[in-house]
């Protein structure tokens, strides 16, 4: 009799554990697919550098990245993103690539510019190509949408951001490392020596090349922060050109690199311990 009770208890406990694991798995799937993917993390950072002109101290820059419209992130999410960024009142806005997941298949292209055009930034809006922007014959599609949205598309080129007092910084952008032809030298060709420059590169690992040019700051995306991070293991997904640097700040010689986790998802519709991100940088003249 005692043996039967023990057996029944074992089976009952086993079923209980199995049920708990199934419940946890179902709950984890719901959380990673429905909750964390919508739970935007607004990061605030100060960039200290003695090359920053005094007039640019306290200038705010908003970076967003990797929306991948059409996969999981939709137009209503883009509108929410724009509303958040506008509430933060940045002076300058940067988008670091991968607007649509599959540009040539996205049917609502004409609805994107009115949303992005409503982003307000008195010092300008800038963007670069990501690998998905080139994919699916999307290069011209992306360029047309971003120009219609009021963005400067930087393709191995730079732009001088100038204040009324004559002080300036430069925003430079290179082509995507996977499907494009990045050329840092060409992007920096018109930048005066000693000017504070922000280099935009969709691929963060390309910083190993840009650091050779002593660029003060590189802003990147692409990695999605690994999209799913496993405790004691780290990032689950590290795409090419985001295998070394996939989240947050890195110091590479004189180049400071920041990798934004992006807003959308791709390939799998989950995020875990890698919340979607909007980043606000405040410039500060060091010293």
Protein backbone atom coordinates (compact mmCIF):
# COMPACT_ATOMS: atom_id res chain seq x y z
CA UNK A 1 0.00 0.00 0.00
CA UNK A 2 2.80 2.33 0.92
CA UNK A 3 4.52 1.50 -2.37
CA UNK A 4 1.40 2.45 -4.34
CA UNK A 5 1.10 5.75 -2.44
CA UNK A 6 4.73 6.52 -3.17
CA UNK A 7 4.23 5.70 -6.84
CA UNK A 8 1.10 7.86 -7.02
CA UNK A 9 2.93 10.71 -5.28
CA UNK A 10 5.83 10.39 -7.74
CA UNK A 11 3.47 10.44 -10.72
CA UNK A 12 1.53 13.36 -9.25
CA UNK A 13 4.72 15.33 -8.60
CA UNK A 14 6.03 14.48 -12.06
CA UNK A 15 2.83 15.64 -13.69
CA UNK A 16 2.95 18.79 -11.58
CA UNK A 17 6.51 19.57 -12.67
CA UNK A 18 5.65 18.86 -16.31
CA UNK A 19 2.59 21.11 -16.10
CA UNK A 20 4.67 23.87 -14.49
CA UNK A 21 7.30 23.62 -17.22
CA UNK A 22 4.66 23.71 -19.94
CA UNK A 23 3.00 26.69 -18.26
CA UNK A 24 6.38 28.45 -17.97
CA UNK A 25 7.16 27.74 -21.61
CA UNK A 26 3.78 29.05 -22.72
CA UNK A 27 4.16 32.09 -20.47
CA UNK A 28 7.70 32.70 -21.71
CA UNK A 29 6.55 32.54 -25.32
CA UNK A 30 3.74 34.99 -24.63
CA UNK A 31 6.10 37.36 -22.77
CA UNK A 32 8.88 37.25 -25.37
CA UNK A 33 6.47 37.60 -28.31
CA UNK A 34 3.78 39.94 -27.02
CA UNK A 35 5.24 41.92 -24.12
CA UNK A 36 8.98 42.49 -24.44
CA UNK A 37 8.77 43.21 -28.17
CA UNK A 38 6.52 46.21 -27.32
CA UNK A 39 8.30 47.30 -24.13
CA UNK A 40 10.50 50.14 -25.39
CA UNK A 41 13.56 51.00 -23.33
CA UNK A 42 14.61 54.65 -23.53
CA UNK A 43 18.32 54.88 -22.85
CA UNK A 44 19.95 58.20 -21.89
CA UNK A 45 23.72 58.70 -22.27
CA UNK A 46 26.15 61.61 -22.20
CA UNK A 47 28.94 61.80 -24.78
CA UNK A 48 31.95 63.61 -23.32
CA UNK A 49 34.61 64.71 -25.78
CA UNK A 50 36.91 67.73 -25.94
CA UNK A 51 36.33 67.96 -29.72
CA UNK A 52 32.68 68.85 -29.17
CA UNK A 53 32.24 72.61 -29.76
CA UNK A 54 30.94 74.54 -26.77
CA UNK A 55 27.75 75.48 -28.62
CA UNK A 56 26.90 71.80 -29.04
CA UNK A 57 27.01 71.06 -25.32
CA UNK A 58 23.58 69.80 -24.23
CA UNK A 59 22.54 69.11 -27.82
CA UNK A 60 20.36 65.98 -27.79
CA UNK A 61 20.56 63.25 -30.42
CA UNK A 62 17.92 60.52 -30.78
CA UNK A 63 18.91 57.22 -32.37
CA UNK A 64 16.46 54.54 -33.48
CA UNK A 65 17.17 51.53 -35.63
CA UNK A 66 16.06 48.23 -37.17
CA UNK A 67 12.30 48.66 -37.31
CA UNK A 68 11.89 45.82 -39.85
CA UNK A 69 8.44 46.99 -40.85
CA UNK A 70 6.25 44.16 -42.08
CA UNK A 71 7.66 41.34 -39.96
CA UNK A 72 6.36 42.05 -36.47
CA UNK A 73 6.78 45.82 -36.18
CA UNK A 74 3.87 47.59 -37.94
CA UNK A 75 2.87 51.13 -38.88
CA UNK A 76 1.12 51.69 -35.55
CA UNK A 77 4.39 50.80 -33.82
CA UNK A 78 6.26 53.26 -36.03
CA UNK A 79 3.74 55.97 -35.13
CA UNK A 80 4.22 55.21 -31.42
CA UNK A 81 7.99 55.45 -31.89
CA UNK A 82 7.68 58.84 -33.58
CA UNK A 83 5.45 60.11 -30.78
CA UNK A 84 7.96 58.98 -28.14
CA UNK A 85 10.90 60.58 -29.93
CA UNK A 86 9.04 63.86 -30.41
CA UNK A 87 8.17 63.96 -26.71
CA UNK A 88 11.89 63.65 -25.94
CA UNK A 89 12.53 66.76 -28.07
CA UNK A 90 15.86 65.87 -29.68
CA UNK A 91 17.83 68.40 -31.69
CA UNK A 92 19.02 65.80 -34.17
CA UNK A 93 17.63 62.39 -35.18
CA UNK A 94 19.52 59.38 -36.54
CA UNK A 95 18.17 56.17 -38.05
CA UNK A 96 20.77 53.43 -38.44
CA UNK A 97 19.11 51.20 -41.02
CA UNK A 98 16.75 48.27 -41.73
CA UNK A 99 13.48 50.14 -42.18
CA UNK A 100 11.47 47.32 -43.79
CA UNK A 101 12.09 43.63 -43.41
CA UNK A 102 11.48 42.94 -47.14
CA UNK A 103 11.20 46.26 -49.00
CA UNK A 104 9.93 44.93 -52.32
CA UNK A 105 7.17 42.93 -50.61
CA UNK A 106 5.96 45.63 -48.22
CA UNK A 107 2.59 46.88 -49.51
CA UNK A 108 2.26 50.01 -47.33
CA UNK A 109 5.36 51.88 -48.49
CA UNK A 110 3.43 55.06 -49.27
CA UNK A 111 2.21 55.27 -45.67
CA UNK A 112 5.70 55.46 -44.18
CA UNK A 113 6.80 59.01 -45.23
CA UNK A 114 3.86 60.86 -43.61
CA UNK A 115 4.74 59.20 -40.29
CA UNK A 116 8.51 59.71 -40.43
CA UNK A 117 8.10 63.23 -41.79
CA UNK A 118 6.36 64.21 -38.53
CA UNK A 119 9.62 63.60 -36.61
CA UNK A 120 10.89 66.98 -35.42
CA UNK A 121 14.61 67.75 -35.21
CA UNK A 122 15.80 71.36 -35.72
CA UNK A 123 19.37 70.28 -36.57
CA UNK A 124 18.33 67.61 -39.05
CA UNK A 125 17.44 63.96 -39.61
CA UNK A 126 19.99 61.49 -40.96
CA UNK A 127 20.00 57.84 -42.00
CA UNK A 128 22.11 55.09 -43.54
CA UNK A 129 21.50 51.80 -45.31
CA UNK A 130 21.15 48.50 -43.48
CA UNK A 131 21.40 45.11 -45.14
CA UNK A 132 17.60 44.74 -45.36
CA UNK A 133 17.35 48.14 -47.05
CA UNK A 134 19.45 46.78 -49.91
CA UNK A 135 17.85 43.33 -49.91
CA UNK A 136 14.98 42.46 -52.22
CA UNK A 137 15.95 45.21 -54.69
CA UNK A 138 15.12 47.70 -51.97
CA UNK A 139 17.96 50.23 -52.35
CA UNK A 140 16.01 52.78 -54.39
CA UNK A 141 12.79 52.10 -52.49
CA UNK A 142 14.51 52.92 -49.19
CA UNK A 143 16.26 56.00 -50.55
CA UNK A 144 13.00 57.42 -51.97
CA UNK A 145 11.09 56.81 -48.74
CA UNK A 146 13.73 58.40 -46.52
CA UNK A 147 14.15 61.45 -48.76
CA UNK A 148 10.37 61.88 -48.80
CA UNK A 149 10.47 61.64 -45.00
CA UNK A 150 12.91 64.55 -44.72
CA UNK A 151 16.03 62.49 -43.96
CA UNK A 152 19.51 63.02 -45.36
CA UNK A 153 20.61 59.63 -46.72
CA UNK A 154 24.34 59.29 -46.06
CA UNK A 155 25.97 56.84 -48.47
CA UNK A 156 29.74 57.03 -47.91
CA UNK A 157 29.26 60.75 -47.41
CA UNK A 158 29.06 63.38 -44.69
CA UNK A 159 27.00 66.40 -43.70
CA UNK A 160 28.07 69.47 -41.76
CA UNK A 161 25.68 70.36 -38.93
CA UNK A 162 26.27 74.05 -38.36
CA UNK A 163 25.04 76.41 -35.66
CA UNK A 164 24.25 80.10 -36.13
CA UNK A 165 27.47 80.97 -34.29
CA UNK A 166 29.47 79.12 -36.95
CA UNK A 167 30.42 76.08 -34.85
CA UNK A 168 29.82 72.71 -36.43
CA UNK A 169 30.03 68.95 -36.09
CA UNK A 170 29.88 66.35 -38.85
CA UNK A 171 27.60 63.38 -39.38
CA UNK A 172 29.15 60.77 -41.70
CA UNK A 173 27.55 57.57 -42.93
CA UNK A 174 28.88 54.47 -44.65
CA UNK A 175 27.12 51.88 -46.77
CA UNK A 176 26.08 48.56 -45.27
CA UNK A 177 28.91 46.07 -44.76
CA UNK A 178 26.95 42.96 -45.80
CA UNK A 179 25.25 44.00 -49.02
CA UNK A 180 26.76 47.40 -49.78
CA UNK A 181 30.17 48.90 -50.40
CA UNK A 182 31.28 50.79 -47.29
CA UNK A 183 34.07 53.31 -47.74
CA UNK A 184 35.10 55.15 -44.58
CA UNK A 185 37.76 57.19 -46.35
CA UNK A 186 35.24 58.49 -48.86
CA UNK A 187 32.71 59.21 -46.12
CA UNK A 188 35.25 61.31 -44.22
CA UNK A 189 36.85 62.96 -47.25
CA UNK A 190 35.15 66.33 -46.68
CA UNK A 191 35.50 66.33 -42.88
CA UNK A 192 38.15 68.77 -41.59
CA UNK A 193 40.84 67.27 -39.37
CA UNK A 194 39.96 67.63 -35.70
CA UNK A 195 36.22 68.06 -36.25
CA UNK A 196 33.92 66.15 -33.93
CA UNK A 197 32.41 63.48 -36.16
CA UNK A 198 29.67 60.93 -35.60
CA UNK A 199 30.04 58.02 -38.00
CA UNK A 200 26.94 55.95 -38.76
CA UNK A 201 27.49 52.29 -39.66
CA UNK A 202 24.67 49.76 -39.60
CA UNK A 203 27.21 47.02 -38.87
CA UNK A 204 28.84 47.48 -35.45
CA UNK A 205 31.82 45.17 -36.09
CA UNK A 206 32.92 47.51 -38.86
CA UNK A 207 34.25 49.67 -36.03
CA UNK A 208 37.43 47.61 -36.29
CA UNK A 209 37.95 49.47 -39.59
CA UNK A 210 36.62 52.89 -38.60
CA UNK A 211 38.82 53.06 -35.48
CA UNK A 212 41.80 53.33 -37.83
CA UNK A 213 40.46 56.77 -38.79
CA UNK A 214 40.22 57.93 -35.14
CA UNK A 215 36.51 58.67 -35.47
CA UNK A 216 35.34 59.93 -32.05
CA UNK A 217 31.93 58.22 -32.10
CA UNK A 218 30.31 55.44 -34.15
CA UNK A 219 26.60 54.66 -33.84
CA UNK A 220 25.35 51.30 -35.07
CA UNK A 221 22.41 48.89 -34.98
CA UNK A 222 21.96 45.56 -36.77
CA UNK A 223 22.48 43.27 -33.77
CA UNK A 224 19.06 43.61 -32.08
CA UNK A 225 21.10 43.11 -28.92
CA UNK A 226 21.12 39.43 -29.80
CA UNK A 227 17.29 39.63 -29.76
CA UNK A 228 17.18 36.71 -27.30
CA UNK A 229 19.70 36.70 -24.45
CA UNK A 230 20.11 33.54 -22.41
CA UNK A 231 21.31 33.88 -18.79
CA UNK A 232 24.92 32.68 -18.32
CA UNK A 233 25.24 32.30 -22.10
CA UNK A 234 24.58 35.73 -23.59
CA UNK A 235 23.23 36.73 -26.98
CA UNK A 236 21.54 33.87 -28.82
CA UNK A 237 21.65 35.43 -32.29
CA UNK A 238 24.74 37.27 -33.49
CA UNK A 239 24.46 38.09 -37.19
CA UNK A 240 27.52 38.67 -39.37
CA UNK A 241 29.16 42.02 -38.55
CA UNK A 242 27.56 41.99 -35.07
CA UNK A 243 29.42 39.06 -33.58
CA UNK A 244 31.93 41.03 -31.51
CA UNK A 245 29.95 44.14 -30.61
CA UNK A 246 26.24 43.67 -30.11
CA UNK A 247 24.95 45.96 -27.34
CA UNK A 248 25.84 49.23 -25.65
CA UNK A 249 29.21 51.00 -25.43
CA UNK A 250 32.65 49.79 -26.49
CA UNK A 251 35.91 51.75 -26.46
CA UNK A 252 38.16 50.93 -29.44
CA UNK A 253 41.31 53.03 -29.24
CA UNK A 254 40.06 56.61 -29.80
CA UNK A 255 36.70 55.48 -31.19
CA UNK A 256 33.70 55.13 -28.93
CA UNK A 257 31.14 52.70 -30.35
CA UNK A 258 27.50 52.47 -29.34
CA UNK A 259 25.27 49.61 -30.54
CA UNK A 260 21.52 50.21 -30.38
CA UNK A 261 19.30 47.13 -29.86
CA UNK A 262 16.79 48.30 -32.48
CA UNK A 263 13.01 48.29 -32.33
CA UNK A 264 11.78 45.44 -34.50
CA UNK A 265 12.55 41.76 -34.83
CA UNK A 266 13.52 39.55 -37.77
CA UNK A 267 13.59 35.83 -38.52
CA UNK A 268 11.96 35.03 -35.17
CA UNK A 269 9.29 37.22 -33.53
CA UNK A 270 10.78 37.15 -30.03
CA UNK A 271 12.80 39.29 -27.67
CA UNK A 272 14.05 38.13 -24.31
CA UNK A 273 16.27 40.24 -22.02
CA UNK A 274 16.86 42.47 -25.04
CA UNK A 275 14.19 45.15 -25.01
CA UNK A 276 13.61 47.36 -28.07
CA UNK A 277 15.49 50.61 -27.68
CA UNK A 278 15.43 54.32 -28.40
CA UNK A 279 18.65 56.06 -27.40
CA UNK A 280 19.13 59.68 -26.40
CA UNK A 281 22.66 61.06 -26.40
CA UNK A 282 23.51 64.44 -24.88
CA UNK A 283 26.72 65.99 -26.13
CA UNK A 284 29.12 67.59 -23.64
CA UNK A 285 32.38 69.42 -24.23
CA UNK A 286 34.86 67.65 -21.98
CA UNK A 287 37.41 69.67 -20.08
